[in-house]
Full PDB file with SEQRES, HELIX, SHEET, SSBOND, CRYST1, ORIGX, SCALE, CONECT and MASTER records, all heavy atoms in Angstrom:
SEQRES   1 A   34  PRO MET ILE TYR ILE LYS THR ALA PHE LYS PHE LEU ARG          
SEQRES   2 A   34  ASN TYR PHE LEU TYR LEU GLY PHE LEU ASP GLY LYS ASN          
SEQRES   3 A   34  GLY PHE VAL ILE CYS ARG MET SER                              
HELIX    1 AA1 MET A    2  LEU A   12  1                                  11    
HELIX    2 AA2 ARG A   13  LEU A   17  3                                   5    
HELIX    3 AA3 GLY A   20  ASP A   23  5                                   4    
HELIX    4 AA4 GLY A   24  MET A   33  1                                  10    
CRYST1    1.000    1.000    1.000  90.00  90.00  90.00 P 1           1          
ORIGX1      1.000000  0.000000  0.000000        0.00000                         
ORIGX2      0.000000  1.000000  0.000000        0.00000                         
ORIGX3      0.000000  0.000000  1.000000        0.00000                         
SCALE1      1.000000  0.000000  0.000000        0.00000                         
SCALE2      0.000000  1.000000  0.000000        0.00000                         
SCALE3      0.000000  0.000000  1.000000        0.00000                         
ATOM      1  N   PRO A   1      12.464   5.485  13.596  1.00  0.00           N  
ATOM      2  CA  PRO A   1      11.777   4.252  13.309  1.00  0.00           C  
ATOM      3  C   PRO A   1      10.353   4.338  12.916  1.00  0.00           C  
ATOM      4  O   PRO A   1       9.852   3.579  12.111  1.00  0.00           O  
ATOM      5  CB  PRO A   1      11.963   3.553  14.707  1.00  0.00           C  
ATOM      6  CG  PRO A   1      13.103   4.147  15.328  1.00  0.00           C  
ATOM      7  CD  PRO A   1      13.041   5.665  14.936  1.00  0.00           C  
ATOM      8  N   MET A   2       9.637   5.349  13.430  1.00  0.00           N  
ATOM      9  CA  MET A   2       8.168   5.519  13.076  1.00  0.00           C  
ATOM     10  C   MET A   2       8.006   5.927  11.633  1.00  0.00           C  
ATOM     11  O   MET A   2       6.958   5.604  11.056  1.00  0.00           O  
ATOM     12  CB  MET A   2       7.578   6.586  14.032  1.00  0.00           C  
ATOM     13  CG  MET A   2       7.244   6.073  15.429  1.00  0.00           C  
ATOM     14  SD  MET A   2       6.163   4.559  15.422  1.00  0.00           S  
ATOM     15  CE  MET A   2       4.691   5.258  14.633  1.00  0.00           C  
ATOM     16  N   ILE A   3       8.969   6.511  11.058  1.00  0.00           N  
ATOM     17  CA  ILE A   3       8.922   6.892   9.638  1.00  0.00           C  
ATOM     18  C   ILE A   3       8.651   5.572   8.802  1.00  0.00           C  
ATOM     19  O   ILE A   3       7.786   5.359   7.932  1.00  0.00           O  
ATOM     20  CB  ILE A   3      10.102   7.669   9.081  1.00  0.00           C  
ATOM     21  CG1 ILE A   3      10.313   8.940   9.815  1.00  0.00           C  
ATOM     22  CG2 ILE A   3      10.056   7.743   7.489  1.00  0.00           C  
ATOM     23  CD1 ILE A   3      11.649   9.565   9.488  1.00  0.00           C  
ATOM     24  N   TYR A   4       9.509   4.557   9.046  1.00  0.00           N  
ATOM     25  CA  TYR A   4       9.506   3.322   8.353  1.00  0.00           C  
ATOM     26  C   TYR A   4       8.231   2.529   8.709  1.00  0.00           C  
ATOM     27  O   TYR A   4       7.657   1.810   7.903  1.00  0.00           O  
ATOM     28  CB  TYR A   4      10.676   2.565   8.553  1.00  0.00           C  
ATOM     29  CG  TYR A   4      11.915   3.291   8.131  1.00  0.00           C  
ATOM     30  CD1 TYR A   4      12.679   4.122   8.860  1.00  0.00           C  
ATOM     31  CD2 TYR A   4      12.266   3.315   6.663  1.00  0.00           C  
ATOM     32  CE1 TYR A   4      13.804   4.875   8.385  1.00  0.00           C  
ATOM     33  CE2 TYR A   4      13.303   4.054   6.204  1.00  0.00           C  
ATOM     34  CZ  TYR A   4      14.061   4.817   7.094  1.00  0.00           C  
ATOM     35  OH  TYR A   4      15.102   5.599   6.619  1.00  0.00           O  
ATOM     36  N   ILE A   5       7.840   2.554   9.954  1.00  0.00           N  
ATOM     37  CA  ILE A   5       6.581   1.835  10.389  1.00  0.00           C  
ATOM     38  C   ILE A   5       5.369   2.316   9.718  1.00  0.00           C  
ATOM     39  O   ILE A   5       4.521   1.602   9.216  1.00  0.00           O  
ATOM     40  CB  ILE A   5       6.467   1.937  11.902  1.00  0.00           C  
ATOM     41  CG1 ILE A   5       7.589   1.119  12.620  1.00  0.00           C  
ATOM     42  CG2 ILE A   5       5.091   1.356  12.287  1.00  0.00           C  
ATOM     43  CD1 ILE A   5       7.647   1.264  14.081  1.00  0.00           C  
ATOM     44  N   LYS A   6       5.333   3.671   9.698  1.00  0.00           N  
ATOM     45  CA  LYS A   6       4.089   4.261   8.976  1.00  0.00           C  
ATOM     46  C   LYS A   6       4.111   4.041   7.523  1.00  0.00           C  
ATOM     47  O   LYS A   6       3.028   3.835   6.927  1.00  0.00           O  
ATOM     48  CB  LYS A   6       4.069   5.814   9.302  1.00  0.00           C  
ATOM     49  CG  LYS A   6       3.679   6.268  10.694  1.00  0.00           C  
ATOM     50  CD  LYS A   6       3.657   7.578  10.923  1.00  0.00           C  
ATOM     51  CE  LYS A   6       3.141   8.018  12.328  1.00  0.00           C  
ATOM     52  NZ  LYS A   6       1.652   7.803  12.422  1.00  0.00           N  
ATOM     53  N   THR A   7       5.229   4.110   6.984  1.00  0.00           N  
ATOM     54  CA  THR A   7       5.344   3.788   5.487  1.00  0.00           C  
ATOM     55  C   THR A   7       5.001   2.407   5.110  1.00  0.00           C  
ATOM     56  O   THR A   7       4.085   2.177   4.225  1.00  0.00           O  
ATOM     57  CB  THR A   7       6.871   4.080   5.004  1.00  0.00           C  
ATOM     58  OG1 THR A   7       7.179   5.443   5.252  1.00  0.00           O  
ATOM     59  CG2 THR A   7       6.903   3.782   3.558  1.00  0.00           C  
ATOM     60  N   ALA A   8       5.439   1.454   5.889  1.00  0.00           N  
ATOM     61  CA  ALA A   8       5.155   0.054   5.600  1.00  0.00           C  
ATOM     62  C   ALA A   8       3.590  -0.176   5.861  1.00  0.00           C  
ATOM     63  O   ALA A   8       2.990  -0.903   5.180  1.00  0.00           O  
ATOM     64  CB  ALA A   8       5.967  -0.815   6.530  1.00  0.00           C  
ATOM     65  N   PHE A   9       3.100   0.351   6.958  1.00  0.00           N  
ATOM     66  CA  PHE A   9       1.697   0.206   7.303  1.00  0.00           C  
ATOM     67  C   PHE A   9       0.778   0.754   6.132  1.00  0.00           C  
ATOM     68  O   PHE A   9      -0.100   0.141   5.767  1.00  0.00           O  
ATOM     69  CB  PHE A   9       1.381   0.900   8.645  1.00  0.00           C  
ATOM     70  CG  PHE A   9      -0.136   0.884   8.979  1.00  0.00           C  
ATOM     71  CD1 PHE A   9      -0.646  -0.245   9.553  1.00  0.00           C  
ATOM     72  CD2 PHE A   9      -0.873   1.959   8.771  1.00  0.00           C  
ATOM     73  CE1 PHE A   9      -1.954  -0.369   9.727  1.00  0.00           C  
ATOM     74  CE2 PHE A   9      -2.246   1.962   8.984  1.00  0.00           C  
ATOM     75  CZ  PHE A   9      -2.777   0.803   9.507  1.00  0.00           C  
ATOM     76  N   LYS A  10       1.170   1.952   5.640  1.00  0.00           N  
ATOM     77  CA  LYS A  10       0.355   2.532   4.599  1.00  0.00           C  
ATOM     78  C   LYS A  10       0.260   1.595   3.338  1.00  0.00           C  
ATOM     79  O   LYS A  10      -0.851   1.375   2.778  1.00  0.00           O  
ATOM     80  CB  LYS A  10       0.908   3.959   4.066  1.00  0.00           C  
ATOM     81  CG  LYS A  10       0.147   4.546   3.019  1.00  0.00           C  
ATOM     82  CD  LYS A  10      -1.280   4.898   3.305  1.00  0.00           C  
ATOM     83  CE  LYS A  10      -1.490   5.990   4.273  1.00  0.00           C  
ATOM     84  NZ  LYS A  10      -1.169   7.310   3.705  1.00  0.00           N  
ATOM     85  N   PHE A  11       1.400   0.965   2.986  1.00  0.00           N  
ATOM     86  CA  PHE A  11       1.420   0.123   1.889  1.00  0.00           C  
ATOM     87  C   PHE A  11       0.598  -1.122   2.136  1.00  0.00           C  
ATOM     88  O   PHE A  11      -0.325  -1.552   1.315  1.00  0.00           O  
ATOM     89  CB  PHE A  11       2.721  -0.201   1.359  1.00  0.00           C  
ATOM     90  CG  PHE A  11       2.714  -1.235   0.271  1.00  0.00           C  
ATOM     91  CD1 PHE A  11       2.538  -0.739  -1.124  1.00  0.00           C  
ATOM     92  CD2 PHE A  11       2.890  -2.533   0.394  1.00  0.00           C  
ATOM     93  CE1 PHE A  11       2.532  -1.705  -2.163  1.00  0.00           C  
ATOM     94  CE2 PHE A  11       2.824  -3.440  -0.607  1.00  0.00           C  
ATOM     95  CZ  PHE A  11       2.679  -3.037  -1.936  1.00  0.00           C  
ATOM     96  N   LEU A  12       0.782  -1.740   3.178  1.00  0.00           N  
ATOM     97  CA  LEU A  12       0.208  -3.024   3.536  1.00  0.00           C  
ATOM     98  C   LEU A  12      -1.318  -2.822   3.784  1.00  0.00           C  
ATOM     99  O   LEU A  12      -2.047  -3.677   3.319  1.00  0.00           O  
ATOM    100  CB  LEU A  12       0.762  -3.577   4.865  1.00  0.00           C  
ATOM    101  CG  LEU A  12       2.212  -4.018   4.715  1.00  0.00           C  
ATOM    102  CD1 LEU A  12       2.837  -4.445   6.120  1.00  0.00           C  
ATOM    103  CD2 LEU A  12       2.423  -5.218   3.782  1.00  0.00           C  
ATOM    104  N   ARG A  13      -1.695  -1.738   4.390  1.00  0.00           N  
ATOM    105  CA  ARG A  13      -3.161  -1.424   4.595  1.00  0.00           C  
ATOM    106  C   ARG A  13      -3.879  -1.365   3.159  1.00  0.00           C  
ATOM    107  O   ARG A  13      -4.889  -2.000   2.917  1.00  0.00           O  
ATOM    108  CB  ARG A  13      -3.415  -0.225   5.421  1.00  0.00           C  
ATOM    109  CG  ARG A  13      -4.788   0.031   5.776  1.00  0.00           C  
ATOM    110  CD  ARG A  13      -5.062   1.479   6.197  1.00  0.00           C  
ATOM    111  NE  ARG A  13      -4.751   2.415   5.090  1.00  0.00           N  
ATOM    112  CZ  ARG A  13      -4.862   3.746   5.264  1.00  0.00           C  
ATOM    113  NH1 ARG A  13      -5.203   4.303   6.434  1.00  0.00           N  
ATOM    114  NH2 ARG A  13      -4.633   4.547   4.268  1.00  0.00           N  
ATOM    115  N   ASN A  14      -3.333  -0.514   2.306  1.00  0.00           N  
ATOM    116  CA  ASN A  14      -3.977  -0.160   1.035  1.00  0.00           C  
ATOM    117  C   ASN A  14      -3.935  -1.294   0.046  1.00  0.00           C  
ATOM    118  O   ASN A  14      -4.969  -1.530  -0.596  1.00  0.00           O  
ATOM    119  CB  ASN A  14      -3.318   0.998   0.433  1.00  0.00           C  
ATOM    120  CG  ASN A  14      -3.680   2.348   1.139  1.00  0.00           C  
ATOM    121  OD1 ASN A  14      -4.393   2.308   2.160  1.00  0.00           O  
ATOM    122  ND2 ASN A  14      -3.071   3.450   0.652  1.00  0.00           N  
ATOM    123  N   TYR A  15      -2.885  -2.096   0.080  1.00  0.00           N  
ATOM    124  CA  TYR A  15      -2.696  -3.165  -0.999  1.00  0.00           C  
ATOM    125  C   TYR A  15      -3.430  -4.406  -0.503  1.00  0.00           C  
ATOM    126  O   TYR A  15      -4.033  -5.135  -1.332  1.00  0.00           O  
ATOM    127  CB  TYR A  15      -1.200  -3.476  -1.104  1.00  0.00           C  
ATOM    128  CG  TYR A  15      -1.011  -4.309  -2.372  1.00  0.00           C  
ATOM    129  CD1 TYR A  15      -1.291  -3.786  -3.622  1.00  0.00           C  
ATOM    130  CD2 TYR A  15      -0.470  -5.588  -2.240  1.00  0.00           C  
ATOM    131  CE1 TYR A  15      -1.052  -4.546  -4.700  1.00  0.00           C  
ATOM    132  CE2 TYR A  15      -0.247  -6.384  -3.401  1.00  0.00           C  
ATOM    133  CZ  TYR A  15      -0.559  -5.831  -4.647  1.00  0.00           C  
ATOM    134  OH  TYR A  15      -0.499  -6.548  -5.813  1.00  0.00           O  
ATOM    135  N   PHE A  16      -3.454  -4.723   0.809  1.00  0.00           N  
ATOM    136  CA  PHE A  16      -4.063  -5.987   1.237  1.00  0.00           C  
ATOM    137  C   PHE A  16      -5.380  -5.733   1.945  1.00  0.00           C  
ATOM    138  O   PHE A  16      -6.439  -6.283   1.572  1.00  0.00           O  
ATOM    139  CB  PHE A  16      -3.130  -6.736   2.215  1.00  0.00           C  
ATOM    140  CG  PHE A  16      -1.922  -7.269   1.504  1.00  0.00           C  
ATOM    141  CD1 PHE A  16      -0.671  -6.680   1.696  1.00  0.00           C  
ATOM    142  CD2 PHE A  16      -1.977  -8.303   0.658  1.00  0.00           C  
ATOM    143  CE1 PHE A  16       0.476  -7.089   1.077  1.00  0.00           C  
ATOM    144  CE2 PHE A  16      -0.794  -8.891  -0.006  1.00  0.00           C  
ATOM    145  CZ  PHE A  16       0.419  -8.168   0.184  1.00  0.00           C  
ATOM    146  N   LEU A  17      -5.483  -4.871   3.046  1.00  0.00           N  
ATOM    147  CA  LEU A  17      -6.744  -4.646   3.653  1.00  0.00           C  
ATOM    148  C   LEU A  17      -7.732  -3.946   2.811  1.00  0.00           C  
ATOM    149  O   LEU A  17      -8.923  -4.273   2.797  1.00  0.00           O  
ATOM    150  CB  LEU A  17      -6.572  -3.812   4.870  1.00  0.00           C  
ATOM    151  CG  LEU A  17      -7.742  -3.607   5.800  1.00  0.00           C  
ATOM    152  CD1 LEU A  17      -8.230  -4.918   6.321  1.00  0.00           C  
ATOM    153  CD2 LEU A  17      -7.297  -2.755   7.025  1.00  0.00           C  
ATOM    154  N   TYR A  18      -7.316  -2.912   1.933  1.00  0.00           N  
ATOM    155  CA  TYR A  18      -8.210  -2.206   1.083  1.00  0.00           C  
ATOM    156  C   TYR A  18      -8.063  -2.900  -0.290  1.00  0.00           C  
ATOM    157  O   TYR A  18      -8.651  -2.226  -1.245  1.00  0.00           O  
ATOM    158  CB  TYR A  18      -7.681  -0.786   1.019  1.00  0.00           C  
ATOM    159  CG  TYR A  18      -8.078   0.042   2.327  1.00  0.00           C  
ATOM    160  CD1 TYR A  18      -7.490   1.281   2.553  1.00  0.00           C  
ATOM    161  CD2 TYR A  18      -8.910  -0.499   3.291  1.00  0.00           C  
ATOM    162  CE1 TYR A  18      -7.690   1.961   3.688  1.00  0.00           C  
ATOM    163  CE2 TYR A  18      -9.150   0.193   4.526  1.00  0.00           C  
ATOM    164  CZ  TYR A  18      -8.463   1.403   4.669  1.00  0.00           C  
ATOM    165  OH  TYR A  18      -8.747   2.145   5.823  1.00  0.00           O  
ATOM    166  N   LEU A  19      -7.598  -3.970  -0.430  1.00  0.00           N  
ATOM    167  CA  LEU A  19      -7.749  -4.836  -1.616  1.00  0.00           C  
ATOM    168  C   LEU A  19      -7.120  -4.160  -2.931  1.00  0.00           C  
ATOM    169  O   LEU A  19      -7.625  -4.338  -4.041  1.00  0.00           O  
ATOM    170  CB  LEU A  19      -9.243  -5.162  -1.995  1.00  0.00           C  
ATOM    171  CG  LEU A  19      -9.905  -5.902  -0.768  1.00  0.00           C  
ATOM    172  CD1 LEU A  19     -11.432  -6.168  -1.139  1.00  0.00           C  
ATOM    173  CD2 LEU A  19      -9.253  -7.153  -0.294  1.00  0.00           C  
ATOM    174  N   GLY A  20      -6.070  -3.430  -2.716  1.00  0.00           N  
ATOM    175  CA  GLY A  20      -5.387  -2.743  -3.878  1.00  0.00           C  
ATOM    176  C   GLY A  20      -4.940  -3.758  -4.953  1.00  0.00           C  
ATOM    177  O   GLY A  20      -4.981  -3.432  -6.156  1.00  0.00           O  
ATOM    178  N   PHE A  21      -4.674  -5.055  -4.530  1.00  0.00           N  
ATOM    179  CA  PHE A  21      -4.211  -6.000  -5.470  1.00  0.00           C  
ATOM    180  C   PHE A  21      -5.383  -6.270  -6.571  1.00  0.00           C  
ATOM    181  O   PHE A  21      -5.017  -6.670  -7.744  1.00  0.00           O  
ATOM    182  CB  PHE A  21      -3.740  -7.299  -4.815  1.00  0.00           C  
ATOM    183  CG  PHE A  21      -4.834  -7.992  -4.009  1.00  0.00           C  
ATOM    184  CD1 PHE A  21      -5.717  -8.823  -4.579  1.00  0.00           C  
ATOM    185  CD2 PHE A  21      -5.012  -7.658  -2.708  1.00  0.00           C  
ATOM    186  CE1 PHE A  21      -6.623  -9.473  -3.821  1.00  0.00           C  
ATOM    187  CE2 PHE A  21      -5.988  -8.267  -1.861  1.00  0.00           C  
ATOM    188  CZ  PHE A  21      -6.764  -9.203  -2.526  1.00  0.00           C  
ATOM    189  N   LEU A  22      -6.606  -6.023  -6.242  1.00  0.00           N  
ATOM    190  CA  LEU A  22      -7.623  -6.255  -7.149  1.00  0.00           C  
ATOM    191  C   LEU A  22      -7.700  -5.151  -8.267  1.00  0.00           C  
ATOM    192  O   LEU A  22      -8.328  -5.416  -9.360  1.00  0.00           O  
ATOM    193  CB  LEU A  22      -8.979  -6.295  -6.416  1.00  0.00           C  
ATOM    194  CG  LEU A  22      -9.189  -7.489  -5.549  1.00  0.00           C  
ATOM    195  CD1 LEU A  22     -10.532  -7.325  -4.807  1.00  0.00           C  
ATOM    196  CD2 LEU A  22      -9.101  -8.735  -6.179  1.00  0.00           C  
ATOM    197  N   ASP A  23      -6.965  -4.069  -8.119  1.00  0.00           N  
ATOM    198  CA  ASP A  23      -6.815  -3.146  -9.105  1.00  0.00           C  
ATOM    199  C   ASP A  23      -5.669  -3.357 -10.112  1.00  0.00           C  
ATOM    200  O   ASP A  23      -5.278  -2.574 -10.985  1.00  0.00           O  
ATOM    201  CB  ASP A  23      -6.620  -1.740  -8.541  1.00  0.00           C  
ATOM    202  CG  ASP A  23      -7.977  -1.224  -7.949  1.00  0.00           C  
ATOM    203  OD1 ASP A  23      -9.004  -1.308  -8.587  1.00  0.00           O  
ATOM    204  OD2 ASP A  23      -7.936  -0.607  -6.776  1.00  0.00           O  
ATOM    205  N   GLY A  24      -5.026  -4.544  -9.928  1.00  0.00           N  
ATOM    206  CA  GLY A  24      -3.979  -4.979 -10.811  1.00  0.00           C  
ATOM    207  C   GLY A  24      -2.729  -4.088 -10.695  1.00  0.00           C  
ATOM    208  O   GLY A  24      -2.337  -3.673  -9.636  1.00  0.00           O  
ATOM    209  N   LYS A  25      -2.038  -3.998 -11.787  1.00  0.00           N  
ATOM    210  CA  LYS A  25      -0.671  -3.262 -11.854  1.00  0.00           C  
ATOM    211  C   LYS A  25      -0.907  -1.872 -11.286  1.00  0.00           C  
ATOM    212  O   LYS A  25      -0.052  -1.349 -10.496  1.00  0.00           O  
ATOM    213  CB  LYS A  25      -0.197  -3.211 -13.296  1.00  0.00           C  
ATOM    214  CG  LYS A  25       1.132  -2.465 -13.357  1.00  0.00           C  
ATOM    215  CD  LYS A  25       1.579  -2.544 -14.788  1.00  0.00           C  
ATOM    216  CE  LYS A  25       2.919  -1.686 -14.963  1.00  0.00           C  
ATOM    217  NZ  LYS A  25       3.437  -1.666 -16.318  1.00  0.00           N  
ATOM    218  N   ASN A  26      -1.912  -1.181 -11.705  1.00  0.00           N  
ATOM    219  CA  ASN A  26      -2.131   0.207 -11.305  1.00  0.00           C  
ATOM    220  C   ASN A  26      -2.368   0.245  -9.765  1.00  0.00           C  
ATOM    221  O   ASN A  26      -2.019   1.214  -9.053  1.00  0.00           O  
ATOM    222  CB  ASN A  26      -3.165   0.923 -12.105  1.00  0.00           C  
ATOM    223  CG  ASN A  26      -2.711   1.366 -13.433  1.00  0.00           C  
ATOM    224  OD1 ASN A  26      -1.554   1.712 -13.675  1.00  0.00           O  
ATOM    225  ND2 ASN A  26      -3.658   1.456 -14.365  1.00  0.00           N  
ATOM    226  N   GLY A  27      -3.044  -0.720  -9.301  1.00  0.00           N  
ATOM    227  CA  GLY A  27      -3.229  -0.847  -7.780  1.00  0.00           C  
ATOM    228  C   GLY A  27      -1.929  -0.925  -7.095  1.00  0.00           C  
ATOM    229  O   GLY A  27      -1.851  -0.190  -6.051  1.00  0.00           O  
ATOM    230  N   PHE A  28      -1.048  -1.686  -7.518  1.00  0.00           N  
ATOM    231  CA  PHE A  28       0.238  -1.708  -6.950  1.00  0.00           C  
ATOM    232  C   PHE A  28       0.972  -0.404  -6.977  1.00  0.00           C  
ATOM    233  O   PHE A  28       1.544   0.056  -5.978  1.00  0.00           O  
ATOM    234  CB  PHE A  28       1.151  -2.778  -7.607  1.00  0.00           C  
ATOM    235  CG  PHE A  28       2.506  -2.951  -7.061  1.00  0.00           C  
ATOM    236  CD1 PHE A  28       2.806  -3.556  -5.852  1.00  0.00           C  
ATOM    237  CD2 PHE A  28       3.556  -2.281  -7.735  1.00  0.00           C  
ATOM    238  CE1 PHE A  28       4.044  -3.706  -5.375  1.00  0.00           C  
ATOM    239  CE2 PHE A  28       4.856  -2.336  -7.156  1.00  0.00           C  
ATOM    240  CZ  PHE A  28       5.115  -3.084  -5.967  1.00  0.00           C  
ATOM    241  N   VAL A  29       1.014   0.266  -8.087  1.00  0.00           N  
ATOM    242  CA  VAL A  29       1.533   1.588  -8.215  1.00  0.00           C  
ATOM    243  C   VAL A  29       0.946   2.630  -7.348  1.00  0.00           C  
ATOM    244  O   VAL A  29       1.610   3.263  -6.698  1.00  0.00           O  
ATOM    245  CB  VAL A  29       1.475   2.040  -9.664  1.00  0.00           C  
ATOM    246  CG1 VAL A  29       1.970   3.550  -9.874  1.00  0.00           C  
ATOM    247  CG2 VAL A  29       2.269   1.174 -10.623  1.00  0.00           C  
ATOM    248  N   ILE A  30      -0.414   2.616  -7.256  1.00  0.00           N  
ATOM    249  CA  ILE A  30      -1.099   3.573  -6.417  1.00  0.00           C  
ATOM    250  C   ILE A  30      -0.724   3.313  -4.952  1.00  0.00           C  
ATOM    251  O   ILE A  30      -0.422   4.232  -4.155  1.00  0.00           O  
ATOM    252  CB  ILE A  30      -2.621   3.442  -6.581  1.00  0.00           C  
ATOM    253  CG1 ILE A  30      -3.034   4.027  -7.901  1.00  0.00           C  
ATOM    254  CG2 ILE A  30      -3.350   4.108  -5.460  1.00  0.00           C  
ATOM    255  CD1 ILE A  30      -4.428   3.655  -8.377  1.00  0.00           C  
ATOM    256  N   CYS A  31      -0.667   2.087  -4.413  1.00  0.00           N  
ATOM    257  CA  CYS A  31      -0.347   1.791  -3.090  1.00  0.00           C  
ATOM    258  C   CYS A  31       1.132   2.174  -2.735  1.00  0.00           C  
ATOM    259  O   CYS A  31       1.428   2.547  -1.688  1.00  0.00           O  
ATOM    260  CB  CYS A  31      -0.661   0.341  -2.786  1.00  0.00           C  
ATOM    261  SG  CYS A  31      -2.413  -0.131  -2.940  1.00  0.00           S  
ATOM    262  N   ARG A  32       1.936   1.815  -3.744  1.00  0.00           N  
ATOM    263  CA  ARG A  32       3.337   2.221  -3.650  1.00  0.00           C  
ATOM    264  C   ARG A  32       3.580   3.720  -3.456  1.00  0.00           C  
ATOM    265  O   ARG A  32       4.353   4.200  -2.681  1.00  0.00           O  
ATOM    266  CB  ARG A  32       4.216   1.668  -4.654  1.00  0.00           C  
ATOM    267  CG  ARG A  32       5.769   1.807  -4.683  1.00  0.00           C  
ATOM    268  CD  ARG A  32       6.440   1.391  -5.802  1.00  0.00           C  
ATOM    269  NE  ARG A  32       6.065   2.183  -7.045  1.00  0.00           N  
ATOM    270  CZ  ARG A  32       6.505   1.906  -8.195  1.00  0.00           C  
ATOM    271  NH1 ARG A  32       7.347   0.793  -8.452  1.00  0.00           N  
ATOM    272  NH2 ARG A  32       6.229   2.612  -9.251  1.00  0.00           N  
ATOM    273  N   MET A  33       2.823   4.465  -4.311  1.00  0.00           N  
ATOM    274  CA  MET A  33       2.943   5.859  -4.287  1.00  0.00           C  
ATOM    275  C   MET A  33       2.435   6.510  -3.017  1.00  0.00           C  
ATOM    276  O   MET A  33       2.985   7.440  -2.438  1.00  0.00           O  
ATOM    277  CB  MET A  33       2.174   6.592  -5.520  1.00  0.00           C  
ATOM    278  CG  MET A  33       2.865   6.293  -6.795  1.00  0.00           C  
ATOM    279  SD  MET A  33       4.355   7.446  -6.880  1.00  0.00           S  
ATOM    280  CE  MET A  33       4.795   7.192  -8.587  1.00  0.00           C  
ATOM    281  N   SER A  34       1.360   5.950  -2.449  1.00  0.00           N  
ATOM    282  CA  SER A  34       0.820   6.365  -1.183  1.00  0.00           C  
ATOM    283  C   SER A  34       1.764   6.191  -0.101  1.00  0.00           C  
ATOM    284  O   SER A  34       1.935   6.999   0.775  1.00  0.00           O  
ATOM    285  CB  SER A  34      -0.518   5.648  -0.862  1.00  0.00           C  
ATOM    286  OG  SER A  34      -1.518   5.933  -1.858  1.00  0.00           O  
TER     287      SER A  34                                                      
MASTER        0    0    0    4    0    0    0    6  286    1    0    3          
END                                                                             
C-alpha cells in the first residue's frame, strides 16, 4: 500500500503544492514522471 501512497503524494505535492501546473503541459509531464 505504501508504494501507491508515496506515488500519489509525489505527484500531488509537485503539481499542486510546488505549483507544477504553472509550468503548463511540461509541468504535468514532469510531475507525472517524478
